[in-house]
């Protein structure tokens, strides 16, 4: 069964795995080809940095009020539905 993940979840999982892999490579450098060692370390560091950048962007977006909570989105949806249904009821009684 395949589950759908959001981009944030995927980034979090990749970063967690990258951190674990980086620790493993540093503890056992003999398991990695010497010519690929630096490239692998750089790649893993980049993935970890991507996760940190994404977390920082989310934090800043919340501070600026750019992301709405689920409660706020549901509330605005409900208000718009009620406003529309109120207009329809008035038109029918005239």
C-alpha atoms as a PDB file:
ATOM      1  CA  UNK A   1       0.000   0.000   0.000  1.00  0.00           C
ATOM      2  CA  UNK A   2       1.463   3.313  -1.069  1.00  0.00           C
ATOM      3  CA  UNK A   3       0.901   6.359   1.104  1.00  0.00           C
ATOM      4  CA  UNK A   4       1.099   9.924  -0.111  1.00  0.00           C
ATOM      5  CA  UNK A   5       3.571  12.106   1.717  1.00  0.00           C
ATOM      6  CA  UNK A   6       3.854  15.840   1.640  1.00  0.00           C
ATOM      7  CA  UNK A   7       7.043  17.487   0.506  1.00  0.00           C
ATOM      8  CA  UNK A   8       7.834  18.495   4.081  1.00  0.00           C
ATOM      9  CA  UNK A   9       7.543  14.893   5.276  1.00  0.00           C
ATOM     10  CA  UNK A  10       9.798  13.679   2.478  1.00  0.00           C
ATOM     11  CA  UNK A  11      12.395  16.338   3.265  1.00  0.00           C
ATOM     12  CA  UNK A  12      12.314  15.412   6.955  1.00  0.00           C
ATOM     13  CA  UNK A  13      12.811  11.709   6.191  1.00  0.00           C
ATOM     14  CA  UNK A  14      15.613  12.361   3.696  1.00  0.00           C
ATOM     15  CA  UNK A  15      17.387  14.669   6.160  1.00  0.00           C
ATOM     16  CA  UNK A  16      17.082  12.128   8.975  1.00  0.00           C
ATOM     17  CA  UNK A  17      18.511   9.410   6.744  1.00  0.00           C
ATOM     18  CA  UNK A  18      21.251  11.747   5.515  1.00  0.00           C
ATOM     19  CA  UNK A  19      22.315  12.524   9.081  1.00  0.00           C
ATOM     20  CA  UNK A  20      22.446   8.814   9.921  1.00  0.00           C
ATOM     21  CA  UNK A  21      24.365   8.017   6.730  1.00  0.00           C
ATOM     22  CA  UNK A  22      26.824  10.839   7.381  1.00  0.00           C
ATOM     23  CA  UNK A  23      27.547   9.500  10.867  1.00  0.00           C
ATOM     24  CA  UNK A  24      28.038   6.023   9.437  1.00  0.00           C
ATOM     25  CA  UNK A  25      30.412   7.249   6.724  1.00  0.00           C
ATOM     26  CA  UNK A  26      32.453   9.228   9.227  1.00  0.00           C
ATOM     27  CA  UNK A  27      32.689   6.254  11.602  1.00  0.00           C
ATOM     28  CA  UNK A  28      33.530   3.760   8.840  1.00  0.00           C
ATOM     29  CA  UNK A  29      35.195   5.624   5.951  1.00  0.00           C
ATOM     30  CA  UNK A  30      36.783   2.413   4.709  1.00  0.00           C
ATOM     31  CA  UNK A  31      33.339   1.172   3.559  1.00  0.00           C
ATOM     32  CA  UNK A  32      33.117   3.944   0.949  1.00  0.00           C
ATOM     33  CA  UNK A  33      35.247   4.256  -2.144  1.00  0.00           C
ATOM     34  CA  UNK A  34      37.956   6.885  -1.457  1.00  0.00           C
ATOM     35  CA  UNK A  35      37.267   8.729  -4.707  1.00  0.00           C
ATOM     36  CA  UNK A  36      33.539   9.041  -3.836  1.00  0.00           C
ATOM     37  CA  UNK A  37      33.942   9.799  -0.133  1.00  0.00           C
ATOM     38  CA  UNK A  38      34.090  13.602  -0.398  1.00  0.00           C
ATOM     39  CA  UNK A  39      31.225  13.757  -2.908  1.00  0.00           C
ATOM     40  CA  UNK A  40      29.051  11.597  -0.678  1.00  0.00           C
ATOM     41  CA  UNK A  41      29.804  13.694   2.391  1.00  0.00           C
ATOM     42  CA  UNK A  42      29.064  16.918   0.502  1.00  0.00           C
ATOM     43  CA  UNK A  43      25.778  15.509  -0.796  1.00  0.00           C
ATOM     44  CA  UNK A  44      24.658  14.410   2.665  1.00  0.00           C
ATOM     45  CA  UNK A  45      25.564  17.787   4.142  1.00  0.00           C
ATOM     46  CA  UNK A  46      23.561  19.478   1.376  1.00  0.00           C
ATOM     47  CA  UNK A  47      20.485  17.370   2.177  1.00  0.00           C
ATOM     48  CA  UNK A  48      20.743  18.223   5.870  1.00  0.00           C
ATOM     49  CA  UNK A  49      21.132  21.919   5.035  1.00  0.00           C
ATOM     50  CA  UNK A  50      18.067  21.758   2.767  1.00  0.00           C
ATOM     51  CA  UNK A  51      16.026  20.470   5.694  1.00  0.00           C
ATOM     52  CA  UNK A  52      17.295  23.250   7.972  1.00  0.00           C
ATOM     53  CA  UNK A  53      16.484  25.858   5.328  1.00  0.00           C
ATOM     54  CA  UNK A  54      12.978  24.452   4.903  1.00  0.00           C
ATOM     55  CA  UNK A  55      12.376  24.539   8.671  1.00  0.00           C
ATOM     56  CA  UNK A  56      13.557  28.132   8.834  1.00  0.00           C
ATOM     57  CA  UNK A  57      11.275  29.127   5.942  1.00  0.00           C
ATOM     58  CA  UNK A  58       8.280  27.499   7.628  1.00  0.00           C
ATOM     59  CA  UNK A  59       9.061  29.255  10.891  1.00  0.00           C
ATOM     60  CA  UNK A  60       9.330  32.630   9.172  1.00  0.00           C
ATOM     61  CA  UNK A  61       6.123  32.023   7.227  1.00  0.00           C
ATOM     62  CA  UNK A  62       4.234  31.305  10.440  1.00  0.00           C
ATOM     63  CA  UNK A  63       5.564  34.475  12.048  1.00  0.00           C
ATOM     64  CA  UNK A  64       4.417  36.555   9.105  1.00  0.00           C
ATOM     65  CA  UNK A  65       1.024  34.869   9.148  1.00  0.00           C
ATOM     66  CA  UNK A  66       1.431  33.461   5.660  1.00  0.00           C
ATOM     67  CA  UNK A  67       0.354  29.974   6.599  1.00  0.00           C
ATOM     68  CA  UNK A  68      -3.114  29.497   7.954  1.00  0.00           C
ATOM     69  CA  UNK A  69      -3.925  26.878  10.498  1.00  0.00           C
ATOM     70  CA  UNK A  70      -6.461  24.226   9.658  1.00  0.00           C
ATOM     71  CA  UNK A  71      -8.906  25.796  12.099  1.00  0.00           C
ATOM     72  CA  UNK A  72      -8.650  29.184  10.380  1.00  0.00           C
ATOM     73  CA  UNK A  73      -9.086  27.685   6.907  1.00  0.00           C
ATOM     74  CA  UNK A  74     -12.138  25.685   7.994  1.00  0.00           C
ATOM     75  CA  UNK A  75     -13.608  28.718   9.703  1.00  0.00           C
ATOM     76  CA  UNK A  76     -13.264  30.895   6.587  1.00  0.00           C
ATOM     77  CA  UNK A  77     -14.733  28.126   4.416  1.00  0.00           C
ATOM     78  CA  UNK A  78     -17.695  27.758   6.743  1.00  0.00           C
ATOM     79  CA  UNK A  79     -18.309  31.525   6.770  1.00  0.00           C
ATOM     80  CA  UNK A  80     -18.281  31.676   2.975  1.00  0.00           C
ATOM     81  CA  UNK A  81     -20.721  28.732   2.717  1.00  0.00           C
ATOM     82  CA  UNK A  82     -23.064  30.275   5.260  1.00  0.00           C
ATOM     83  CA  UNK A  83     -22.906  33.643   3.500  1.00  0.00           C
ATOM     84  CA  UNK A  84     -23.866  32.025   0.188  1.00  0.00           C
ATOM     85  CA  UNK A  85     -26.700  29.990   1.663  1.00  0.00           C
ATOM     86  CA  UNK A  86     -28.074  33.116   3.389  1.00  0.00           C
ATOM     87  CA  UNK A  87     -28.310  34.935   0.061  1.00  0.00           C
ATOM     88  CA  UNK A  88     -30.169  32.055  -1.589  1.00  0.00           C
ATOM     89  CA  UNK A  89     -32.735  31.916   1.207  1.00  0.00           C
ATOM     90  CA  UNK A  90     -33.596  35.618   0.896  1.00  0.00           C
ATOM     91  CA  UNK A  91     -34.079  35.423  -2.877  1.00  0.00           C
ATOM     92  CA  UNK A  92     -36.591  32.594  -2.592  1.00  0.00           C
ATOM     93  CA  UNK A  93     -38.902  34.387  -0.117  1.00  0.00           C
ATOM     94  CA  UNK A  94     -39.525  37.503  -2.228  1.00  0.00           C
END
